PDB file of N, CA and C in Angstrom:
ATOM      1  N   UNK A   1     112.277  51.277 103.634  1.00  0.00           N
ATOM      2  CA  UNK A   1     111.454  52.132 102.811  1.00  0.00           C
ATOM      3  C   UNK A   1     111.730  51.835 101.340  1.00  0.00           C
ATOM      4  N   UNK A   2     110.678  51.519 100.626  1.00  0.00           N
ATOM      5  CA  UNK A   2     110.814  51.248  99.200  1.00  0.00           C
ATOM      6  C   UNK A   2     110.909  52.554  98.431  1.00  0.00           C
ATOM      7  N   UNK A   3     111.855  52.592  97.519  1.00  0.00           N
ATOM      8  CA  UNK A   3     112.038  53.784  96.690  1.00  0.00           C
ATOM      9  C   UNK A   3     111.584  53.470  95.273  1.00  0.00           C
ATOM     10  N   UNK A   4     110.926  54.426  94.657  1.00  0.00           N
ATOM     11  CA  UNK A   4     110.538  54.271  93.261  1.00  0.00           C
ATOM     12  C   UNK A   4     111.747  54.559  92.373  1.00  0.00           C
ATOM     13  N   UNK A   5     111.602  54.235  91.114  1.00  0.00           N
ATOM     14  CA  UNK A   5     112.658  54.552  90.154  1.00  0.00           C
ATOM     15  C   UNK A   5     112.930  56.049  90.159  1.00  0.00           C
ATOM     16  N   UNK A   6     111.864  56.848  90.202  1.00  0.00           N
ATOM     17  CA  UNK A   6     112.027  58.299  90.216  1.00  0.00           C
ATOM     18  C   UNK A   6     112.780  58.754  91.464  1.00  0.00           C
ATOM     19  N   UNK A   7     112.456  58.170  92.622  1.00  0.00           N
ATOM     20  CA  UNK A   7     113.155  58.516  93.864  1.00  0.00           C
ATOM     21  C   UNK A   7     114.650  58.230  93.750  1.00  0.00           C
ATOM     22  N   UNK A   8     114.967  57.075  93.201  1.00  0.00           N
ATOM     23  CA  UNK A   8     116.368  56.674  93.057  1.00  0.00           C
ATOM     24  C   UNK A   8     117.106  57.631  92.120  1.00  0.00           C
ATOM     25  N   UNK A   9     116.478  57.957  91.003  1.00  0.00           N
ATOM     26  CA  UNK A   9     117.106  58.878  90.050  1.00  0.00           C
ATOM     27  C   UNK A   9     117.311  60.256  90.657  1.00  0.00           C
ATOM     28  N   UNK A  10     116.327  60.741  91.400  1.00  0.00           N
ATOM     29  CA  UNK A  10     116.452  62.058  92.034  1.00  0.00           C
ATOM     30  C   UNK A  10     117.573  62.070  93.061  1.00  0.00           C
ATOM     31  N   UNK A  11     117.665  61.004  93.866  1.00  0.00           N
ATOM     32  CA  UNK A  11     118.727  60.927  94.872  1.00  0.00           C
ATOM     33  C   UNK A  11     120.090  60.857  94.196  1.00  0.00           C
ATOM     34  N   UNK A  12     120.192  60.033  93.174  1.00  0.00           N
ATOM     35  CA  UNK A  12     121.458  59.911  92.446  1.00  0.00           C
ATOM     36  C   UNK A  12     121.847  61.245  91.812  1.00  0.00           C
ATOM     37  N   UNK A  13     120.870  61.960  91.276  1.00  0.00           N
ATOM     38  CA  UNK A  13     121.145  63.259  90.670  1.00  0.00           C
ATOM     39  C   UNK A  13     121.653  64.246  91.715  1.00  0.00           C
ATOM     40  N   UNK A  14     121.001  64.303  92.852  1.00  0.00           N
ATOM     41  CA  UNK A  14     121.451  65.206  93.916  1.00  0.00           C
ATOM     42  C   UNK A  14     122.858  64.859  94.389  1.00  0.00           C
ATOM     43  N   UNK A  15     123.115  63.569  94.572  1.00  0.00           N
ATOM     44  CA  UNK A  15     124.450  63.131  95.003  1.00  0.00           C
ATOM     45  C   UNK A  15     125.507  63.529  93.972  1.00  0.00           C
ATOM     46  N   UNK A  16     125.184  63.334  92.711  1.00  0.00           N
ATOM     47  CA  UNK A  16     126.120  63.651  91.638  1.00  0.00           C
ATOM     48  C   UNK A  16     126.371  65.154  91.556  1.00  0.00           C
ATOM     49  N   UNK A  17     125.316  65.941  91.692  1.00  0.00           N
ATOM     50  CA  UNK A  17     125.472  67.396  91.666  1.00  0.00           C
ATOM     51  C   UNK A  17     126.333  67.879  92.833  1.00  0.00           C
ATOM     52  N   UNK A  18     126.181  67.238  93.990  1.00  0.00           N
ATOM     53  CA  UNK A  18     127.027  67.590  95.141  1.00  0.00           C
ATOM     54  C   UNK A  18     128.490  67.290  94.849  1.00  0.00           C
ATOM     55  N   UNK A  19     128.739  66.162  94.205  1.00  0.00           N
ATOM     56  CA  UNK A  19     130.123  65.821  93.855  1.00  0.00           C
ATOM     57  C   UNK A  19     130.718  66.855  92.910  1.00  0.00           C
ATOM     58  N   UNK A  20     129.938  67.285  91.921  1.00  0.00           N
ATOM     59  CA  UNK A  20     130.424  68.309  90.990  1.00  0.00           C
ATOM     60  C   UNK A  20     130.810  69.558  91.768  1.00  0.00           C
ATOM     61  N   UNK A  21     129.926  69.994  92.634  1.00  0.00           N
ATOM     62  CA  UNK A  21     130.186  71.202  93.426  1.00  0.00           C
ATOM     63  C   UNK A  21     131.431  71.021  94.302  1.00  0.00           C
ATOM     64  N   UNK A  22     131.531  69.877  94.970  1.00  0.00           N
ATOM     65  CA  UNK A  22     132.688  69.620  95.836  1.00  0.00           C
ATOM     66  C   UNK A  22     133.986  69.586  95.036  1.00  0.00           C
ATOM     67  N   UNK A  23     133.981  68.861  93.922  1.00  0.00           N
ATOM     68  CA  UNK A  23     135.197  68.732  93.126  1.00  0.00           C
ATOM     69  C   UNK A  23     135.646  70.081  92.575  1.00  0.00           C
ATOM     70  N   UNK A  24     134.698  70.906  92.141  1.00  0.00           N
ATOM     71  CA  UNK A  24     135.064  72.235  91.645  1.00  0.00           C
ATOM     72  C   UNK A  24     135.613  73.097  92.779  1.00  0.00           C
ATOM     73  N   UNK A  25     135.068  72.943  93.965  1.00  0.00           N
ATOM     74  CA  UNK A  25     135.590  73.665  95.130  1.00  0.00           C
ATOM     75  C   UNK A  25     137.039  73.244  95.398  1.00  0.00           C
ATOM     76  N   UNK A  26     137.306  71.947  95.297  1.00  0.00           N
ATOM     77  CA  UNK A  26     138.666  71.456  95.536  1.00  0.00           C
ATOM     78  C   UNK A  26     139.648  72.055  94.530  1.00  0.00           C
ATOM     79  N   UNK A  27     139.215  72.209  93.274  1.00  0.00           N
ATOM     80  CA  UNK A  27     140.138  72.770  92.274  1.00  0.00           C
ATOM     81  C   UNK A  27     140.533  74.195  92.636  1.00  0.00           C
ATOM     82  N   UNK A  28     139.642  74.930  93.272  1.00  0.00           N
ATOM     83  CA  UNK A  28     139.958  76.311  93.665  1.00  0.00           C
ATOM     84  C   UNK A  28     140.815  76.358  94.929  1.00  0.00           C
ATOM     85  N   UNK A  29     140.691  75.357  95.784  1.00  0.00           N
ATOM     86  CA  UNK A  29     141.405  75.354  97.061  1.00  0.00           C
ATOM     87  C   UNK A  29     142.812  74.778  96.961  1.00  0.00           C
ATOM     88  N   UNK A  30     142.990  73.823  96.070  1.00  0.00           N
ATOM     89  CA  UNK A  30     144.283  73.147  95.964  1.00  0.00           C
ATOM     90  C   UNK A  30     145.294  73.993  95.196  1.00  0.00           C
ATOM     91  N   UNK A  31     146.538  73.900  95.604  1.00  0.00           N
ATOM     92  CA  UNK A  31     147.628  74.608  94.915  1.00  0.00           C
ATOM     93  C   UNK A  31     148.319  73.713  93.886  1.00  0.00           C
ATOM     94  N   UNK A  32     148.263  72.422  94.105  1.00  0.00           N
ATOM     95  CA  UNK A  32     148.920  71.457  93.233  1.00  0.00           C
ATOM     96  C   UNK A  32     148.161  71.362  91.903  1.00  0.00           C
ATOM     97  N   UNK A  33     148.840  71.684  90.805  1.00  0.00           N
ATOM     98  CA  UNK A  33     148.191  71.705  89.495  1.00  0.00           C
ATOM     99  C   UNK A  33     147.710  70.329  89.052  1.00  0.00           C
ATOM    100  N   UNK A  34     148.456  69.297  89.397  1.00  0.00           N
ATOM    101  CA  UNK A  34     148.047  67.941  89.020  1.00  0.00           C
ATOM    102  C   UNK A  34     146.747  67.568  89.723  1.00  0.00           C
ATOM    103  N   UNK A  35     146.650  67.903  91.006  1.00  0.00           N
ATOM    104  CA  UNK A  35     145.417  67.623  91.743  1.00  0.00           C
ATOM    105  C   UNK A  35     144.263  68.493  91.245  1.00  0.00           C
ATOM    106  N   UNK A  36     144.555  69.734  90.916  1.00  0.00           N
ATOM    107  CA  UNK A  36     143.515  70.605  90.355  1.00  0.00           C
ATOM    108  C   UNK A  36     142.953  69.989  89.073  1.00  0.00           C
ATOM    109  N   UNK A  37     143.848  69.529  88.227  1.00  0.00           N
ATOM    110  CA  UNK A  37     143.444  68.920  86.966  1.00  0.00           C
ATOM    111  C   UNK A  37     142.620  67.658  87.204  1.00  0.00           C
ATOM    112  N   UNK A  38     143.069  66.839  88.147  1.00  0.00           N
ATOM    113  CA  UNK A  38     142.343  65.612  88.466  1.00  0.00           C
ATOM    114  C   UNK A  38     140.912  65.920  88.896  1.00  0.00           C
ATOM    115  N   UNK A  39     140.748  66.860  89.824  1.00  0.00           N
ATOM    116  CA  UNK A  39     139.415  67.166  90.331  1.00  0.00           C
ATOM    117  C   UNK A  39     138.560  67.881  89.285  1.00  0.00           C
ATOM    118  N   UNK A  40     139.183  68.647  88.407  1.00  0.00           N
ATOM    119  CA  UNK A  40     138.421  69.286  87.326  1.00  0.00           C
ATOM    120  C   UNK A  40     137.864  68.222  86.388  1.00  0.00           C
ATOM    121  N   UNK A  41     138.695  67.263  86.023  1.00  0.00           N
ATOM    122  CA  UNK A  41     138.242  66.174  85.157  1.00  0.00           C
ATOM    123  C   UNK A  41     137.163  65.344  85.843  1.00  0.00           C
ATOM    124  N   UNK A  42     137.335  65.094  87.136  1.00  0.00           N
ATOM    125  CA  UNK A  42     136.332  64.336  87.886  1.00  0.00           C
ATOM    126  C   UNK A  42     135.003  65.087  87.901  1.00  0.00           C
ATOM    127  N   UNK A  43     135.054  66.394  88.075  1.00  0.00           N
ATOM    128  CA  UNK A  43     133.834  67.212  88.068  1.00  0.00           C
ATOM    129  C   UNK A  43     133.149  67.138  86.706  1.00  0.00           C
ATOM    130  N   UNK A  44     133.932  67.179  85.644  1.00  0.00           N
ATOM    131  CA  UNK A  44     133.361  67.108  84.298  1.00  0.00           C
ATOM    132  C   UNK A  44     132.684  65.763  84.061  1.00  0.00           C
ATOM    133  N   UNK A  45     133.291  64.687  84.530  1.00  0.00           N
ATOM    134  CA  UNK A  45     132.688  63.360  84.386  1.00  0.00           C
ATOM    135  C   UNK A  45     131.390  63.258  85.188  1.00  0.00           C
ATOM    136  N   UNK A  46     131.407  63.772  86.401  1.00  0.00           N
ATOM    137  CA  UNK A  46     130.191  63.758  87.223  1.00  0.00           C
ATOM    138  C   UNK A  46     129.094  64.597  86.572  1.00  0.00           C
ATOM    139  N   UNK A  47     129.475  65.706  85.954  1.00  0.00           N
ATOM    140  CA  UNK A  47     128.494  66.558  85.279  1.00  0.00           C
ATOM    141  C   UNK A  47     127.837  65.806  84.118  1.00  0.00           C
ATOM    142  N   UNK A  48     128.619  65.010  83.403  1.00  0.00           N
ATOM    143  CA  UNK A  48     128.054  64.182  82.328  1.00  0.00           C
ATOM    144  C   UNK A  48     127.031  63.206  82.894  1.00  0.00           C
ATOM    145  N   UNK A  49     127.376  62.591  84.016  1.00  0.00           N
ATOM    146  CA  UNK A  49     126.446  61.658  84.643  1.00  0.00           C
ATOM    147  C   UNK A  49     125.185  62.375  85.113  1.00  0.00           C
ATOM    148  N   UNK A  50     125.339  63.578  85.638  1.00  0.00           N
ATOM    149  CA  UNK A  50     124.177  64.355  86.088  1.00  0.00           C
ATOM    150  C   UNK A  50     123.251  64.650  84.909  1.00  0.00           C
ATOM    151  N   UNK A  51     123.821  65.010  83.771  1.00  0.00           N
ATOM    152  CA  UNK A  51     122.995  65.277  82.583  1.00  0.00           C
ATOM    153  C   UNK A  51     122.239  64.025  82.152  1.00  0.00           C
ATOM    154  N   UNK A  52     122.905  62.880  82.220  1.00  0.00           N
ATOM    155  CA  UNK A  52     122.249  61.634  81.831  1.00  0.00           C
ATOM    156  C   UNK A  52     121.124  61.289  82.810  1.00  0.00           C
ATOM    157  N   UNK A  53     121.356  61.500  84.096  1.00  0.00           N
ATOM    158  CA  UNK A  53     120.308  61.255  85.085  1.00  0.00           C
ATOM    159  C   UNK A  53     119.112  62.178  84.848  1.00  0.00           C
ATOM    160  N   UNK A  54     119.374  63.428  84.483  1.00  0.00           N
ATOM    161  CA  UNK A  54     118.288  64.363  84.178  1.00  0.00           C
ATOM    162  C   UNK A  54     117.489  63.884  82.967  1.00  0.00           C
ATOM    163  N   UNK A  55     118.176  63.322  81.991  1.00  0.00           N
ATOM    164  CA  UNK A  55     117.480  62.784  80.820  1.00  0.00           C
ATOM    165  C   UNK A  55     116.580  61.622  81.223  1.00  0.00           C
ATOM    166  N   UNK A  56     117.097  60.739  82.056  1.00  0.00           N
ATOM    167  CA  UNK A  56     116.286  59.613  82.522  1.00  0.00           C
ATOM    168  C   UNK A  56     115.052  60.103  83.272  1.00  0.00           C
ATOM    169  N   UNK A  57     115.232  61.111  84.110  1.00  0.00           N
ATOM    170  CA  UNK A  57     114.091  61.679  84.834  1.00  0.00           C
ATOM    171  C   UNK A  57     113.076  62.278  83.868  1.00  0.00           C
ATOM    172  N   UNK A  58     113.561  62.950  82.850  1.00  0.00           N
ATOM    173  CA  UNK A  58     112.668  63.526  81.852  1.00  0.00           C
ATOM    174  C   UNK A  58     111.869  62.471  81.115  1.00  0.00           C
ATOM    175  N   UNK A  59     112.496  61.328  80.858  1.00  0.00           N
ATOM    176  CA  UNK A  59     111.809  60.240  80.162  1.00  0.00           C
ATOM    177  C   UNK A  59     110.695  59.652  81.013  1.00  0.00           C
ATOM    178  N   UNK A  60     110.862  59.656  82.317  1.00  0.00           N
ATOM    179  CA  UNK A  60     109.828  59.133  83.214  1.00  0.00           C
ATOM    180  C   UNK A  60     108.560  59.975  83.114  1.00  0.00           C
ATOM    181  N   UNK A  61     108.727  61.263  82.897  1.00  0.00           N
ATOM    182  CA  UNK A  61     107.591  62.184  82.907  1.00  0.00           C
ATOM    183  C   UNK A  61     106.942  62.366  81.535  1.00  0.00           C
ATOM    184  N   UNK A  62     107.338  61.581  80.562  1.00  0.00           N
ATOM    185  CA  UNK A  62     106.724  61.687  79.220  1.00  0.00           C
ATOM    186  C   UNK A  62     105.451  60.898  79.161  1.00  0.00           C
TER     187      UNK A  62
END
């Protein structure tokens, strides 16, 4: 199945948003502060990528 650029961006955005949600969940579940910090930072990085993907999607619709 051929995917359009928009399809790819939407899938990547959904995947990235899931990672943010998962990583934030891990920070609440883990007791180890170092691991909590690691997953919090990972969530923040994924959130940056999600924002960039949203910008790319917005540019497609201009």
